[in-house]
Amino acid sequence: FHLLATAPNLHEALVEITDEFEENWKDYVEQDIHKLSSGAQLFRQKLISLIPEEI
């Protein structure tokens, strides 16, 4: 799992990475798991594992 962003400074790069993560979250985690391929389901689990359970 990799996020890629190009930006002229660190702040803008972090904004780009956050936007990409949020887009992936919407596309894989917020979708009906039964509509995802097996690879997409694995990616979904990876995304979920990146967020601490306390949140």
N, C-alpha and C. Protein backbone atom coordinates (compact mmCIF):
# COMPACT_ATOMS: atom_id res chain seq x y z
N PHE A 1 0.84 -1.18 0.00
CA PHE A 1 0.00 0.00 0.00
C PHE A 1 0.88 1.23 0.00
N HIS A 2 0.72 2.06 -1.00
CA HIS A 2 1.53 3.27 -1.12
C HIS A 2 0.64 4.44 -1.51
N LEU A 3 0.94 5.58 -0.93
CA LEU A 3 0.30 6.82 -1.35
C LEU A 3 1.37 7.67 -2.00
N LEU A 4 1.04 8.28 -3.11
CA LEU A 4 2.02 9.08 -3.83
C LEU A 4 1.46 10.49 -4.01
N ALA A 5 2.29 11.46 -3.70
CA ALA A 5 1.89 12.85 -3.90
C ALA A 5 3.11 13.66 -4.31
N THR A 6 2.88 14.60 -5.17
CA THR A 6 3.94 15.55 -5.52
C THR A 6 3.42 16.94 -5.20
N ALA A 7 4.25 17.71 -4.55
CA ALA A 7 3.85 19.05 -4.15
C ALA A 7 5.10 19.89 -3.92
N PRO A 8 4.95 21.21 -3.99
CA PRO A 8 6.11 22.08 -3.82
C PRO A 8 6.61 22.18 -2.38
N ASN A 9 5.79 21.72 -1.41
CA ASN A 9 6.24 21.78 -0.02
C ASN A 9 5.58 20.66 0.79
N LEU A 10 6.09 20.45 1.99
CA LEU A 10 5.62 19.35 2.83
C LEU A 10 4.14 19.49 3.18
N HIS A 11 3.70 20.68 3.51
CA HIS A 11 2.29 20.88 3.88
C HIS A 11 1.36 20.44 2.74
N GLU A 12 1.65 20.90 1.54
CA GLU A 12 0.80 20.53 0.41
C GLU A 12 0.89 19.04 0.09
N ALA A 13 2.05 18.45 0.30
CA ALA A 13 2.19 17.00 0.10
C ALA A 13 1.32 16.23 1.09
N LEU A 14 1.32 16.66 2.35
CA LEU A 14 0.48 16.00 3.36
C LEU A 14 -1.00 16.16 3.04
N VAL A 15 -1.39 17.31 2.53
CA VAL A 15 -2.78 17.51 2.12
C VAL A 15 -3.13 16.54 0.99
N GLU A 16 -2.24 16.40 0.01
CA GLU A 16 -2.47 15.48 -1.11
C GLU A 16 -2.58 14.04 -0.63
N ILE A 17 -1.70 13.63 0.27
CA ILE A 17 -1.73 12.26 0.80
C ILE A 17 -3.02 12.02 1.57
N THR A 18 -3.42 12.98 2.38
CA THR A 18 -4.67 12.86 3.13
C THR A 18 -5.86 12.74 2.19
N ASP A 19 -5.88 13.55 1.15
CA ASP A 19 -6.98 13.48 0.17
C ASP A 19 -7.03 12.11 -0.50
N GLU A 20 -5.87 11.58 -0.87
CA GLU A 20 -5.82 10.27 -1.52
C GLU A 20 -6.30 9.17 -0.57
N PHE A 21 -5.87 9.26 0.70
CA PHE A 21 -6.31 8.27 1.69
C PHE A 21 -7.82 8.34 1.86
N GLU A 22 -8.38 9.55 1.97
CA GLU A 22 -9.82 9.71 2.14
C GLU A 22 -10.59 9.16 0.93
N GLU A 23 -10.06 9.37 -0.25
CA GLU A 23 -10.71 8.84 -1.45
C GLU A 23 -10.70 7.31 -1.44
N ASN A 24 -9.57 6.72 -1.08
CA ASN A 24 -9.50 5.26 -0.97
C ASN A 24 -10.45 4.75 0.10
N TRP A 25 -10.56 5.45 1.21
CA TRP A 25 -11.46 5.06 2.30
C TRP A 25 -12.90 5.01 1.79
N LYS A 26 -13.31 6.05 1.08
CA LYS A 26 -14.67 6.10 0.54
C LYS A 26 -14.91 4.99 -0.48
N ASP A 27 -13.89 4.72 -1.30
CA ASP A 27 -14.04 3.72 -2.37
C ASP A 27 -14.03 2.28 -1.86
N TYR A 28 -13.37 2.01 -0.74
CA TYR A 28 -13.22 0.63 -0.28
C TYR A 28 -13.86 0.35 1.07
N VAL A 29 -13.74 1.25 2.02
CA VAL A 29 -14.25 0.98 3.37
C VAL A 29 -15.73 1.31 3.48
N GLU A 30 -16.14 2.40 2.85
CA GLU A 30 -17.54 2.82 2.97
C GLU A 30 -18.46 2.13 1.97
N GLN A 31 -17.92 1.25 1.17
CA GLN A 31 -18.73 0.51 0.19
C GLN A 31 -19.21 -0.81 0.79
N ASP A 32 -20.23 -1.37 0.19
CA ASP A 32 -20.73 -2.69 0.59
C ASP A 32 -19.63 -3.72 0.32
N ILE A 33 -19.18 -4.39 1.37
CA ILE A 33 -18.07 -5.34 1.24
C ILE A 33 -18.39 -6.45 0.25
N HIS A 34 -19.65 -6.80 0.09
CA HIS A 34 -20.04 -7.88 -0.82
C HIS A 34 -19.91 -7.49 -2.29
N LYS A 35 -19.78 -6.20 -2.56
CA LYS A 35 -19.62 -5.74 -3.93
C LYS A 35 -18.15 -5.59 -4.32
N LEU A 36 -17.24 -5.85 -3.37
CA LEU A 36 -15.81 -5.71 -3.63
C LEU A 36 -15.20 -7.04 -4.03
N SER A 37 -14.22 -6.99 -4.91
CA SER A 37 -13.48 -8.20 -5.28
C SER A 37 -12.66 -8.66 -4.08
N SER A 38 -12.11 -9.85 -4.15
CA SER A 38 -11.31 -10.35 -3.03
C SER A 38 -10.09 -9.47 -2.80
N GLY A 39 -9.47 -8.98 -3.86
CA GLY A 39 -8.33 -8.08 -3.71
C GLY A 39 -8.74 -6.76 -3.08
N ALA A 40 -9.89 -6.25 -3.47
CA ALA A 40 -10.40 -5.01 -2.90
C ALA A 40 -10.74 -5.20 -1.42
N GLN A 41 -11.24 -6.38 -1.06
CA GLN A 41 -11.53 -6.65 0.34
C GLN A 41 -10.25 -6.68 1.18
N LEU A 42 -9.18 -7.23 0.63
CA LEU A 42 -7.90 -7.23 1.34
C LEU A 42 -7.38 -5.81 1.51
N PHE A 43 -7.50 -5.00 0.47
CA PHE A 43 -7.09 -3.61 0.55
C PHE A 43 -7.92 -2.86 1.59
N ARG A 44 -9.22 -3.16 1.62
CA ARG A 44 -10.13 -2.56 2.61
C ARG A 44 -9.64 -2.86 4.03
N GLN A 45 -9.29 -4.11 4.28
CA GLN A 45 -8.80 -4.50 5.61
C GLN A 45 -7.50 -3.78 5.95
N LYS A 46 -6.64 -3.60 4.96
CA LYS A 46 -5.38 -2.89 5.18
C LYS A 46 -5.66 -1.44 5.58
N LEU A 47 -6.57 -0.79 4.89
CA LEU A 47 -6.93 0.58 5.24
C LEU A 47 -7.48 0.66 6.66
N ILE A 48 -8.37 -0.24 7.00
CA ILE A 48 -8.97 -0.25 8.33
C ILE A 48 -7.91 -0.46 9.39
N SER A 49 -6.92 -1.31 9.11
CA SER A 49 -5.88 -1.61 10.09
C SER A 49 -4.98 -0.41 10.38
N LEU A 50 -4.98 0.57 9.51
CA LEU A 50 -4.15 1.76 9.71
C LEU A 50 -4.73 2.74 10.72
N ILE A 51 -6.01 2.57 11.05
CA ILE A 51 -6.68 3.48 11.97
C ILE A 51 -6.79 2.81 13.34
N PRO A 52 -6.29 3.46 14.40
CA PRO A 52 -6.40 2.87 15.74
C PRO A 52 -7.87 2.66 16.13
N GLU A 53 -8.13 1.59 16.85
CA GLU A 53 -9.50 1.26 17.25
C GLU A 53 -10.11 2.28 18.20
N GLU A 54 -9.29 3.03 18.92
CA GLU A 54 -9.79 3.99 19.90
C GLU A 54 -10.53 5.16 19.26
N ILE A 55 -10.31 5.37 17.97
CA ILE A 55 -10.93 6.53 17.31
C ILE A 55 -12.39 6.26 17.05
